[in-house]
């Protein structure tokens, strides 16, 4: 008999999960609380989190699924939110996914009964219940707003709004606005409000900004195997030295880029903090439309705030760009999934196995979340279909511990964002589990070899072992130019050799002790130079 699987949510993670399950001949029912697909990418009026002007911060080639790629004639660009919704609609139509989605169905509870999942919900004011063999939660981490509680909040006569309720800047004209926090969407909000009124932004530390466009390329065009081969310390050193060079010798560097490099140089670790891939507000700071204040709210007064440093700021509106929190209270087993880093590959709990899992809580610091969700969906579908087996419980728990330590160390300046992963590491790890890890070296096709290592680390790499997808994947991979200049490639290769011993050993079959000592000395001097 076919396995019966319940999928919760028809956003980007839910859609690809449905598709992978049906591709493995599994009986799927998806419950979606709204009357259309899209999840957080629906408009605010339709139950989503997308404001009118939203432009994605991840390019089209990283937001697209690996088996439904953009036209190879389409240049790298950032889709507007309506364009991405159109893409999702086309994906649903191609795979006939609406046949498996029950819209306007809200799940109100779920319990484990006799190694099965019993879900209860409502539709059109009628209650229903159903039993499934497995349950996959795909509602994502961007739905329950995380709003801080301020001392003196009852005294404040203005409005306190979470950015999830922001639609456009018209309601803020003539208001004194204080924004708390700054993420990728928050950068858009701050920029738009700064066009119509005074806007002050309180941050605990300056954001880790990556410009949307770098030398005419989308920033994720530089997300490559070669870049991540430098490892964390190598990337940190590279970015610090790059910032030093730009600030000292970059006479033609724009003031906005100079400010970004100053923030990079003053940060202990470039990799340690989540990347804000949106620089739209930087020029507003230079123009005086937005004021960035490194401080936080201590308490509220009748008509403003008092910061921790004692500064008094008048305010009519406090806008909280404070992100979202994971909430599984409606599920009896919800406590198992509160911290994604307590899960195997951000999706499977060691106590529950494939009985209940989550897809969509692997958020890459750079690269597309849909790509990571697709890899999770492919893996869980293979597990449920019996084509792959989970490791034993002890091994799962050991790997969870290793991954948690690794990511806690890598993102130690963004400890509160528990879903953060390294796109490069995560994709490769999942590919090994699925069995779709590609080779990088093709003797018969050196153009493909160069694109695989120096070009963008695309989701389409992981379809090269599938005959029906291979030709189209190769065509797309080879069609995109390498973003790195020749000089930058040489510098990156130098850093790889300095900071990745494995890569060094691949190039040299024997390594004398003197060469090892010399390399350590060079690394030490370079790191000391970068830190000075």
Protein backbone atom coordinates (compact mmCIF):
# COMPACT_ATOMS: atom_id res chain seq x y z
CA UNK A 1 0.00 0.00 0.00
CA UNK A 2 1.10 3.55 -0.68
CA UNK A 3 2.34 5.58 2.26
CA UNK A 4 -0.02 8.41 3.20
CA UNK A 5 1.76 11.68 3.90
CA UNK A 6 0.37 14.95 5.20
CA UNK A 7 2.13 18.15 4.11
CA UNK A 8 1.36 21.38 5.98
CA UNK A 9 1.69 24.56 3.92
CA UNK A 10 1.81 25.32 0.19
CA UNK A 11 4.62 27.83 0.15
CA UNK A 12 7.92 27.27 -1.73
CA UNK A 13 9.02 24.51 0.68
CA UNK A 14 5.63 22.79 0.69
CA UNK A 15 5.28 22.80 -3.09
CA UNK A 16 8.63 21.15 -3.74
CA UNK A 17 7.92 18.62 -0.99
CA UNK A 18 4.62 17.65 -2.64
CA UNK A 19 6.36 17.30 -5.99
CA UNK A 20 9.14 15.07 -4.65
CA UNK A 21 6.69 12.85 -2.76
CA UNK A 22 4.45 12.23 -5.75
CA UNK A 23 7.56 11.59 -7.88
CA UNK A 24 8.27 8.71 -5.49
CA UNK A 25 4.74 7.29 -5.79
CA UNK A 26 3.59 8.46 -2.35
CA UNK A 27 -0.01 9.43 -1.51
CA UNK A 28 0.07 13.14 -0.58
CA UNK A 29 -2.44 15.51 0.97
CA UNK A 30 -1.38 19.11 1.52
CA UNK A 31 -3.35 21.38 3.84
CA UNK A 32 -3.08 25.13 3.12
CA UNK A 33 -4.79 27.63 5.42
CA UNK A 34 -5.15 30.27 2.69
CA UNK A 35 -6.96 29.99 -0.64
CA UNK A 36 -3.82 30.16 -2.80
CA UNK A 37 -0.20 29.03 -2.88
CA UNK A 38 2.86 31.13 -2.07
CA UNK A 39 3.30 31.15 1.70
CA UNK A 40 5.19 34.24 2.87
CA UNK A 41 5.38 35.43 -0.75
CA UNK A 42 1.66 36.08 -0.84
CA UNK A 43 0.69 39.72 -0.38
CA UNK A 44 -0.17 40.93 3.12
CA UNK A 45 -3.80 41.29 2.04
CA UNK A 46 -3.82 37.58 1.09
CA UNK A 47 -2.31 36.31 4.33
CA UNK A 48 1.34 36.52 3.29
CA UNK A 49 4.30 38.68 4.28
CA UNK A 50 5.01 40.51 0.99
CA UNK A 51 4.75 44.28 0.75
CA UNK A 52 3.94 46.10 -2.48
CA UNK A 53 7.49 46.90 -3.64
CA UNK A 54 9.24 43.69 -2.57
CA UNK A 55 12.19 42.70 -4.74
CA UNK A 56 13.90 39.45 -3.80
CA UNK A 57 17.44 39.56 -2.43
CA UNK A 58 18.33 36.22 -4.05
CA UNK A 59 18.65 36.03 -7.84
CA UNK A 60 16.38 34.08 -10.17
CA UNK A 61 18.82 31.21 -10.68
CA UNK A 62 19.06 30.54 -6.93
CA UNK A 63 15.34 30.95 -6.23
CA UNK A 64 14.29 28.50 -8.96
CA UNK A 65 13.97 24.76 -8.37
CA UNK A 66 16.63 22.61 -10.00
CA UNK A 67 14.12 20.75 -12.18
CA UNK A 68 12.33 23.90 -13.32
CA UNK A 69 15.04 26.38 -14.19
CA UNK A 70 14.59 29.81 -15.77
CA UNK A 71 15.05 30.17 -19.51
CA UNK A 72 18.77 30.00 -20.31
CA UNK A 73 18.37 33.27 -22.24
CA UNK A 74 17.29 35.05 -19.05
CA UNK A 75 20.05 37.09 -17.45
CA UNK A 76 20.77 37.05 -13.75
CA UNK A 77 18.31 39.34 -12.03
CA UNK A 78 16.25 39.77 -8.90
CA UNK A 79 12.62 38.88 -9.40
CA UNK A 80 9.90 41.18 -8.16
CA UNK A 81 7.60 39.34 -5.79
CA UNK A 82 4.83 39.13 -8.42
CA UNK A 83 7.33 37.53 -10.85
CA UNK A 84 8.25 34.92 -8.27
CA UNK A 85 4.58 34.16 -7.63
CA UNK A 86 4.16 33.69 -11.38
CA UNK A 87 7.12 31.29 -11.35
CA UNK A 88 5.55 29.26 -8.52
CA UNK A 89 2.23 29.20 -10.37
CA UNK A 90 3.99 27.80 -13.43
CA UNK A 91 5.75 25.18 -11.30
CA UNK A 92 2.43 24.09 -9.79
CA UNK A 93 0.87 23.88 -13.24
CA UNK A 94 3.75 21.87 -14.68
CA UNK A 95 3.57 19.21 -11.97
CA UNK A 96 -0.23 19.43 -11.47
CA UNK A 97 0.28 20.05 -7.77
CA UNK A 98 -3.12 21.61 -7.13
CA UNK A 99 -4.61 18.13 -7.34
CA UNK A 100 -2.93 17.42 -4.01
CA UNK A 101 -3.65 20.70 -2.15
CA UNK A 102 -6.70 21.35 0.01
CA UNK A 103 -7.02 25.14 0.25
CA UNK A 104 -8.67 27.01 3.13
CA UNK A 105 -7.98 24.06 5.42
CA UNK A 106 -6.55 24.96 8.83
CA UNK A 107 -4.86 22.30 10.95
CA UNK A 108 -5.67 22.98 14.60
CA UNK A 109 -3.95 19.96 16.21
CA UNK A 110 -1.87 16.88 15.49
CA UNK A 111 -1.06 13.88 17.69
CA UNK A 112 0.93 10.66 17.40
CA UNK A 113 -1.34 7.64 17.79
CA UNK A 114 -0.04 4.07 17.37
CA UNK A 115 2.90 5.19 15.20
CA UNK A 116 0.55 7.20 12.99
CA UNK A 117 -0.28 10.91 12.80
CA UNK A 118 -3.79 12.08 13.54
CA UNK A 119 -4.53 15.61 12.33
CA UNK A 120 -7.60 17.64 13.12
CA UNK A 121 -8.65 20.81 11.37
CA UNK A 122 -11.42 23.01 10.07
CA UNK A 123 -12.72 23.90 6.63
CA UNK A 124 -15.71 26.13 5.90
CA UNK A 125 -16.54 26.02 9.64
CA UNK A 126 -16.67 22.22 9.51
CA UNK A 127 -14.28 20.07 11.53
CA UNK A 128 -12.39 17.14 10.01
CA UNK A 129 -9.79 14.57 11.07
CA UNK A 130 -7.50 12.23 9.15
CA UNK A 131 -4.82 9.62 9.86
CA UNK A 132 -1.45 9.63 8.06
CA UNK A 133 1.70 7.54 8.06
CA UNK A 134 3.95 10.60 8.00
CA UNK A 135 3.67 14.35 8.45
CA UNK A 136 5.93 17.05 6.96
CA UNK A 137 5.57 20.61 8.25
CA UNK A 138 6.48 23.20 5.60
CA UNK A 139 5.01 26.41 7.04
CA UNK A 140 8.43 28.07 7.25
CA UNK A 141 9.98 30.26 9.93
CA UNK A 142 8.64 33.61 8.68
CA UNK A 143 5.06 33.52 9.88
CA UNK A 144 4.94 34.19 13.62
CA UNK A 145 6.25 37.74 14.23
CA UNK A 146 8.73 38.19 17.07
CA UNK A 147 7.87 41.49 18.76
CA UNK A 148 9.83 42.63 21.83
CA UNK A 149 8.16 43.82 25.02
CA UNK A 150 9.41 47.24 26.08
CA UNK A 151 9.45 48.71 29.58
CA UNK A 152 6.82 51.46 29.79
CA UNK A 153 5.00 50.15 26.73
CA UNK A 154 1.62 51.04 28.26
CA UNK A 155 2.71 54.69 28.54
CA UNK A 156 3.50 55.08 24.85
CA UNK A 157 0.73 56.89 22.96
CA UNK A 158 2.06 56.16 19.50
CA UNK A 159 1.86 52.94 17.49
CA UNK A 160 4.07 49.86 17.80
CA UNK A 161 4.06 47.88 14.55
CA UNK A 162 5.89 44.76 13.40
CA UNK A 163 7.38 44.95 9.91
CA UNK A 164 5.23 41.97 8.89
CA UNK A 165 2.30 44.42 8.79
CA UNK A 166 4.14 46.92 6.55
CA UNK A 167 2.62 47.38 3.09
CA UNK A 168 3.87 50.77 1.84
CA UNK A 169 5.11 54.10 3.21
CA UNK A 170 1.95 56.17 2.80
CA UNK A 171 0.80 55.69 6.41
CA UNK A 172 4.11 57.06 7.72
CA UNK A 173 4.14 60.48 6.05
CA UNK A 174 4.81 63.23 8.56
CA UNK A 175 5.43 60.75 11.39
CA UNK A 176 8.50 60.42 13.56
CA UNK A 177 9.52 56.80 13.03
CA UNK A 178 11.99 54.75 15.04
CA UNK A 179 12.87 51.37 13.54
CA UNK A 180 14.22 48.63 15.79
CA UNK A 181 16.52 46.16 14.04
CA UNK A 182 17.41 45.78 10.40
CA UNK A 183 17.14 42.66 8.26
CA UNK A 184 16.82 42.22 4.51
CA UNK A 185 13.14 43.21 4.38
CA UNK A 186 13.83 45.81 7.05
CA UNK A 187 16.34 47.46 4.72
CA UNK A 188 13.55 48.02 2.17
CA UNK A 189 11.17 49.30 4.84
CA UNK A 190 13.74 51.74 6.24
CA UNK A 191 14.55 53.01 2.76
CA UNK A 192 10.91 53.59 1.83
CA UNK A 193 10.02 55.32 5.10
CA UNK A 194 13.11 57.52 4.75
CA UNK A 195 11.69 58.90 1.51
CA UNK A 196 8.64 60.39 3.23
CA UNK A 197 9.67 61.22 6.80
CA UNK A 198 12.34 61.23 9.50
CA UNK A 199 13.58 57.70 10.21
CA UNK A 200 15.97 56.57 12.92
CA UNK A 201 17.21 52.98 13.11
CA UNK A 202 18.41 51.34 16.32
CA UNK A 203 20.77 48.38 15.88
CA UNK A 204 22.87 46.39 18.35
CA UNK A 205 25.65 46.30 15.77
CA UNK A 206 25.98 47.44 12.18
CA UNK A 207 24.56 45.02 9.62
CA UNK A 208 26.75 42.77 7.50
CA UNK A 209 25.92 44.30 4.13
CA UNK A 210 26.53 42.73 0.74
CA UNK A 211 25.67 44.98 -2.19
CA UNK A 212 22.89 43.67 -4.44
CA UNK A 213 25.01 44.23 -7.53
CA UNK A 214 28.79 43.74 -7.71
CA UNK A 215 30.53 44.71 -10.94
CA UNK A 216 27.30 44.23 -12.85
CA UNK A 217 26.54 40.80 -11.37
CA UNK A 218 24.01 39.77 -8.72
CA UNK A 219 25.91 39.19 -5.47
CA UNK A 220 25.19 35.46 -5.41
CA UNK A 221 27.02 35.07 -8.73
CA UNK A 222 30.13 35.01 -6.51
CA UNK A 223 28.76 32.11 -4.42
CA UNK A 224 31.10 29.49 -5.84
CA UNK A 225 32.98 26.35 -4.90
CA UNK A 226 36.25 28.25 -5.11
CA UNK A 227 35.09 31.00 -2.73
CA UNK A 228 33.95 28.59 -0.01
CA UNK A 229 37.05 26.45 -0.47
CA UNK A 230 38.85 29.24 1.44
CA UNK A 231 36.95 28.14 4.56
CA UNK A 232 35.65 30.51 7.22
CA UNK A 233 38.96 31.93 8.41
CA UNK A 234 40.19 32.37 4.85
CA UNK A 235 37.01 34.22 3.82
CA UNK A 236 37.19 36.43 6.92
CA UNK A 237 40.80 37.34 6.16
CA UNK A 238 40.10 37.87 2.47
CA UNK A 239 37.18 40.23 3.17
CA UNK A 240 39.15 42.24 5.73
CA UNK A 241 42.12 42.67 3.40
CA UNK A 242 39.76 43.57 0.58
CA UNK A 243 38.12 46.23 2.78
CA UNK A 244 41.54 47.62 3.75
CA UNK A 245 42.57 47.81 0.09
CA UNK A 246 39.36 49.53 -1.03
CA UNK A 247 39.51 52.10 1.77
CA UNK A 248 43.20 52.91 1.21
CA UNK A 249 43.59 52.65 -2.56
CA UNK A 250 40.07 52.75 -3.97
CA UNK A 251 39.96 56.37 -5.08
CA UNK A 252 36.92 55.78 -7.31
CA UNK A 253 34.98 53.81 -4.70
CA UNK A 254 31.52 55.29 -4.08
CA UNK A 255 30.78 56.68 -0.63
CA UNK A 256 28.08 54.05 -0.13
CA UNK A 257 30.54 51.24 -0.89
CA UNK A 258 33.09 52.87 1.37
CA UNK A 259 30.65 52.79 4.29
CA UNK A 260 29.97 49.08 3.69
CA UNK A 261 33.73 48.37 3.69
CA UNK A 262 34.16 50.35 6.93
CA UNK A 263 31.51 48.21 8.61
CA UNK A 264 33.20 45.06 7.28
CA UNK A 265 36.57 46.15 8.62
CA UNK A 266 35.16 46.92 12.06
CA UNK A 267 33.54 43.50 12.37
CA UNK A 268 35.34 40.64 14.08
CA UNK A 269 34.13 38.11 11.52
CA UNK A 270 32.54 38.56 8.10
CA UNK A 271 31.15 35.02 8.07
CA UNK A 272 30.01 35.16 11.69
CA UNK A 273 27.00 37.39 11.07
CA UNK A 274 24.05 36.85 8.76
CA UNK A 275 24.49 38.55 5.38
CA UNK A 276 22.07 41.40 4.68
CA UNK A 277 21.97 41.20 0.89
CA UNK A 278 20.29 44.57 0.47
CA UNK A 279 22.17 47.87 0.37
CA UNK A 280 19.26 50.03 -0.78
CA UNK A 281 19.27 52.20 2.38
CA UNK A 282 23.00 52.96 2.49
CA UNK A 283 22.75 56.07 0.31
CA UNK A 284 19.86 57.28 2.50
CA UNK A 285 22.25 57.32 5.48
CA UNK A 286 24.73 59.42 3.53
CA UNK A 287 21.94 61.77 2.38
CA UNK A 288 20.66 62.22 5.95
CA UNK A 289 17.28 60.61 5.28
CA UNK A 290 18.03 57.72 7.63
CA UNK A 291 20.03 57.87 10.86
CA UNK A 292 21.69 54.67 12.04
CA UNK A 293 22.16 54.53 15.82
CA UNK A 294 24.13 51.77 17.53
CA UNK A 295 21.95 51.51 20.61
CA UNK A 296 18.80 49.81 21.92
CA UNK A 297 15.59 50.77 23.69
CA UNK A 298 15.71 50.88 27.48
CA UNK A 299 12.13 52.11 28.01
CA UNK A 300 9.26 53.98 26.41
CA UNK A 301 7.75 57.28 27.41
CA UNK A 302 4.50 58.99 26.49
CA UNK A 303 5.84 60.29 23.20
CA UNK A 304 9.12 58.55 22.56
CA UNK A 305 11.89 56.28 23.73
CA UNK A 306 14.89 56.31 26.06
CA UNK A 307 17.87 54.32 24.84
CA UNK A 308 20.31 52.28 26.92
CA UNK A 309 22.84 55.10 26.59
CA UNK A 310 20.30 57.58 28.00
CA UNK A 311 19.41 59.25 24.72
CA UNK A 312 15.82 60.55 24.39
CA UNK A 313 14.18 60.22 20.96
CA UNK A 314 10.72 61.48 20.07
CA UNK A 315 8.58 58.98 18.18
CA UNK A 316 5.07 58.56 16.81
CA UNK A 317 5.71 55.06 15.48
CA UNK A 318 8.02 52.25 16.60
CA UNK A 319 8.50 49.78 13.77
CA UNK A 320 9.99 46.44 14.82
CA UNK A 321 12.20 44.78 12.22
CA UNK A 322 12.79 42.01 14.74
CA UNK A 323 12.14 38.94 12.64
CA UNK A 324 10.04 35.88 13.34
CA UNK A 325 9.90 32.93 15.69
CA UNK A 326 9.08 29.28 15.19
CA UNK A 327 5.80 28.26 16.80
CA UNK A 328 4.56 24.65 16.91
CA UNK A 329 2.14 24.95 19.83
CA UNK A 330 -0.73 23.37 17.91
CA UNK A 331 1.19 20.10 17.53
CA UNK A 332 1.48 17.77 20.53
CA UNK A 333 5.07 16.99 19.50
CA UNK A 334 5.92 20.62 18.71
CA UNK A 335 8.63 21.00 21.35
CA UNK A 336 10.84 18.61 19.39
CA UNK A 337 11.15 21.13 16.54
CA UNK A 338 11.60 24.49 18.27
CA UNK A 339 15.37 24.57 17.63
CA UNK A 340 16.30 23.56 14.06
CA UNK A 341 19.85 22.82 15.18
CA UNK A 342 18.58 20.04 17.42
CA UNK A 343 17.43 18.26 14.25
CA UNK A 344 19.25 16.02 11.80
CA UNK A 345 20.00 18.19 8.77
CA UNK A 346 17.62 20.83 10.17
CA UNK A 347 14.64 18.53 9.56
CA UNK A 348 14.48 15.20 11.44
CA UNK A 349 14.35 14.60 15.20
CA UNK A 350 16.21 11.53 16.44
CA UNK A 351 13.22 10.38 18.53
CA UNK A 352 10.64 10.64 15.73
CA UNK A 353 12.58 9.73 12.60
CA UNK A 354 10.52 10.22 9.45
CA UNK A 355 7.20 10.04 11.32
CA UNK A 356 7.24 13.84 11.64
CA UNK A 357 9.74 16.12 9.94
CA UNK A 358 10.10 19.74 8.85
CA UNK A 359 11.23 21.22 5.55
CA UNK A 360 12.13 24.90 5.18
CA UNK A 361 14.16 25.54 8.33
CA UNK A 362 17.53 25.51 6.56
CA UNK A 363 18.08 29.19 5.80
CA UNK A 364 21.31 29.80 3.88
CA UNK A 365 23.32 32.91 4.70
CA UNK A 366 23.80 33.26 0.95
CA UNK A 367 22.01 31.31 -1.74
CA UNK A 368 18.34 30.42 -2.01
CA UNK A 369 16.16 28.82 0.67
CA UNK A 370 14.09 27.02 -2.02
CA UNK A 371 17.26 25.22 -3.13
CA UNK A 372 17.94 23.97 0.41
CA UNK A 373 14.30 22.99 0.87
CA UNK A 374 14.38 21.08 -2.40
CA UNK A 375 17.33 19.02 -1.17
CA UNK A 376 15.50 18.30 2.09
CA UNK A 377 12.36 17.34 0.17
CA UNK A 378 14.30 14.99 -2.10
CA UNK A 379 15.88 13.29 0.91
CA UNK A 380 12.73 12.87 3.01
CA UNK A 381 10.84 11.54 -0.03
CA UNK A 382 13.53 8.90 -0.62
CA UNK A 383 13.45 7.94 3.07
CA UNK A 384 9.66 7.57 3.16
CA UNK A 385 9.69 5.62 -0.12
CA UNK A 386 12.22 3.20 1.36
CA UNK A 387 14.89 4.06 -1.21
CA UNK A 388 17.23 5.44 1.47
CA UNK A 389 17.67 4.61 5.15
CA UNK A 390 18.27 6.89 8.10
CA UNK A 391 21.44 6.29 10.08
CA UNK A 392 20.99 4.64 13.47
CA UNK A 393 19.85 6.91 16.30
CA UNK A 394 23.30 7.19 17.91
CA UNK A 395 24.88 8.29 14.65
CA UNK A 396 22.09 10.80 14.02
CA UNK A 397 22.64 12.37 17.44
CA UNK A 398 26.40 12.52 16.89
CA UNK A 399 25.95 14.25 13.53
CA UNK A 400 23.44 16.70 15.03
CA UNK A 401 26.02 17.60 17.67
CA UNK A 402 28.76 18.08 15.07
CA UNK A 403 26.56 20.24 12.83
CA UNK A 404 25.32 22.32 15.77
CA UNK A 405 28.86 23.02 16.96
CA UNK A 406 29.95 23.87 13.42
CA UNK A 407 27.12 26.36 12.76
CA UNK A 408 27.19 27.85 16.26
CA UNK A 409 30.86 28.63 15.65
CA UNK A 410 30.37 29.85 12.10
CA UNK A 411 27.45 32.18 12.92
CA UNK A 412 28.38 33.18 16.46
CA UNK A 413 27.31 36.79 15.84
CA UNK A 414 23.84 35.64 14.74
CA UNK A 415 23.15 33.07 17.44
CA UNK A 416 19.44 33.88 17.61
CA UNK A 417 18.84 32.82 13.98
CA UNK A 418 18.87 29.09 14.65
CA UNK A 419 17.90 28.11 11.11
CA UNK A 420 21.07 29.57 9.53
CA UNK A 421 23.23 27.22 7.48
CA UNK A 422 26.10 27.55 5.04
CA UNK A 423 24.59 27.10 1.58
CA UNK A 424 27.74 25.50 0.22
CA UNK A 425 28.22 23.01 3.06
CA UNK A 426 24.53 22.19 3.37
CA UNK A 427 23.99 21.49 -0.32
CA UNK A 428 27.02 19.21 -0.53
CA UNK A 429 26.07 17.32 2.63
CA UNK A 430 22.50 16.76 1.45
CA UNK A 431 23.76 15.71 -1.99
CA UNK A 432 25.89 13.01 -0.35
CA UNK A 433 22.84 11.68 1.50
CA UNK A 434 20.67 11.76 -1.63
CA UNK A 435 23.38 10.35 -3.89
CA UNK A 436 23.47 13.26 -6.32
CA UNK A 437 26.80 14.89 -5.48
CA UNK A 438 28.37 15.93 -8.79
CA UNK A 439 31.98 15.65 -9.80
CA UNK A 440 33.78 18.93 -10.47
CA UNK A 441 36.32 17.75 -13.02
CA UNK A 442 35.29 16.85 -16.57
CA UNK A 443 38.26 16.02 -18.82
CA UNK A 444 36.10 16.01 -21.91
CA UNK A 445 34.49 19.37 -21.12
CA UNK A 446 36.86 21.89 -19.55
CA UNK A 447 34.36 24.72 -19.97
CA UNK A 448 31.96 22.85 -17.68
CA UNK A 449 34.81 22.14 -15.25
CA UNK A 450 35.66 25.83 -14.98
CA UNK A 451 32.00 26.77 -14.46
CA UNK A 452 31.56 24.11 -11.79
CA UNK A 453 34.46 25.37 -9.69
CA UNK A 454 34.68 29.09 -10.46
CA UNK A 455 31.11 29.79 -11.53
CA UNK A 456 28.02 30.13 -9.35
CA UNK A 457 27.30 27.14 -7.11
CA UNK A 458 23.89 26.52 -8.64
CA UNK A 459 21.11 24.14 -7.56
CA UNK A 460 21.35 22.59 -11.03
CA UNK A 461 24.67 20.95 -10.08
CA UNK A 462 22.57 18.37 -8.26
CA UNK A 463 20.66 17.18 -11.32
CA UNK A 464 23.73 16.19 -13.34
CA UNK A 465 23.35 12.54 -12.35
CA UNK A 466 19.79 12.38 -13.66
CA UNK A 467 19.66 11.63 -17.37
CA UNK A 468 16.40 13.51 -17.96
CA UNK A 469 17.77 16.68 -16.34
CA UNK A 470 21.47 16.47 -17.22
CA UNK A 471 21.45 18.13 -20.65
CA UNK A 472 19.41 21.16 -19.56
CA UNK A 473 21.46 21.55 -16.38
CA UNK A 474 24.74 21.52 -18.28
CA UNK A 475 23.39 24.01 -20.80
CA UNK A 476 22.36 26.45 -18.06
CA UNK A 477 25.56 26.05 -16.02
CA UNK A 478 27.70 26.74 -19.07
CA UNK A 479 25.55 29.67 -20.21
CA UNK A 480 26.27 31.83 -17.17
CA UNK A 481 29.58 33.72 -17.21
CA UNK A 482 32.07 33.49 -14.33
CA UNK A 483 31.69 36.64 -12.24
CA UNK A 484 35.26 36.68 -10.92
CA UNK A 485 37.91 38.69 -12.72
CA UNK A 486 41.20 36.92 -13.49
CA UNK A 487 43.00 38.90 -10.77
CA UNK A 488 40.39 38.05 -8.15
CA UNK A 489 40.55 34.37 -9.11
CA UNK A 490 44.30 34.32 -8.53
CA UNK A 491 43.85 35.93 -5.11
CA UNK A 492 41.12 33.46 -4.16
CA UNK A 493 43.29 30.52 -5.24
CA UNK A 494 46.10 31.87 -3.05
CA UNK A 495 43.77 31.99 -0.05
CA UNK A 496 42.52 28.47 -0.77
CA UNK A 497 46.07 27.17 -0.61
CA UNK A 498 46.71 29.07 2.61
CA UNK A 499 43.53 28.15 4.44
CA UNK A 500 42.47 24.78 3.08
CA UNK A 501 45.13 22.14 3.83
CA UNK A 502 43.13 19.47 2.03
CA UNK A 503 43.19 21.47 -1.19
CA UNK A 504 46.91 22.08 -0.69
CA UNK A 505 47.55 18.35 -0.28
CA UNK A 506 45.59 17.56 -3.41
CA UNK A 507 47.98 19.76 -5.34
CA UNK A 508 51.08 18.36 -3.61
CA UNK A 509 51.40 14.61 -3.02
CA UNK A 510 54.18 15.10 -0.47
CA UNK A 511 54.56 17.91 2.02
CA UNK A 512 57.85 18.33 3.88
CA UNK A 513 57.86 19.54 7.49
CA UNK A 514 59.69 22.71 6.46
CA UNK A 515 57.00 23.50 3.89
CA UNK A 516 54.34 22.90 6.52
CA UNK A 517 56.12 25.25 8.94
CA UNK A 518 56.52 27.85 6.21
CA UNK A 519 52.83 27.68 5.34
CA UNK A 520 51.87 28.11 9.01
CA UNK A 521 54.14 31.16 9.23
CA UNK A 522 52.57 32.72 6.12
CA UNK A 523 49.07 32.05 7.44
CA UNK A 524 49.96 33.55 10.82
CA UNK A 525 51.40 36.72 9.30
CA UNK A 526 48.45 37.16 6.93
CA UNK A 527 45.91 36.67 9.73
CA UNK A 528 47.81 39.11 11.97
CA UNK A 529 47.85 41.66 9.11
CA UNK A 530 44.11 41.27 8.56
CA UNK A 531 43.36 41.68 12.28
CA UNK A 532 45.57 44.79 12.68
